[in-house]
């Protein structure tokens, strides 16, 4: 049954996550809350790995979640579930695009989808920022729809531990390097991913 559940959950995600890979995050958060397959922290780790590996992030996330929940068969089933709606929709669009290219209803439908996808991506980005750069965690209320904020503070830490100071410093450093340092900003993104991974290892062992 877990394979059917995986296929169905990711079929819905692939069908309704309009706007690209980041728009899948709210769906993936809801899947984790309803199934218990992974925590929100696990989801952030999956996001980091999926962003760092080749391929579309939505498909990478589906593969990762499927493998976490049910091993290699689960990875295959989740990935197939994720891409199936896209294949169906693309085939339909390709068949009828010429007839509906100038249809005002189609145009208005896409006009409405754009802010929806922007909202989904914005919500995902806000949740990632809270999880990675602060101690604030969004906790699902009953039914997994309404979120409340939980804060874990440490009186001995700077600012009570509200902010993840090493994470903020790394994010600020990468922002400067990728935008305002001419000799560095032209480097391939892999270089920055590798640098971030190395810094994470150092901080992790230093903290241990």
Foldseek 3Di string as FASTA:
>chain_A
DVLVVLLVLLLVLLQPQPDFQLLSVVSVQLVCVVPVLDHVVVLLVQQLVLVLDDDGSNLSSQLVSLCSRPRNSRSVSNSCSNCVNVVVVVVVCVVCVVVCVPPVVVVVVVVVVVVVNVVSSVVSVVQSCQVQFFQWHWDADPPRDDTDIDGDFQPVDVVRRGTPVVSVVLVVVVVCQLPPDVVRVPDDVNVSSVVVVVVVVVVVVVVD
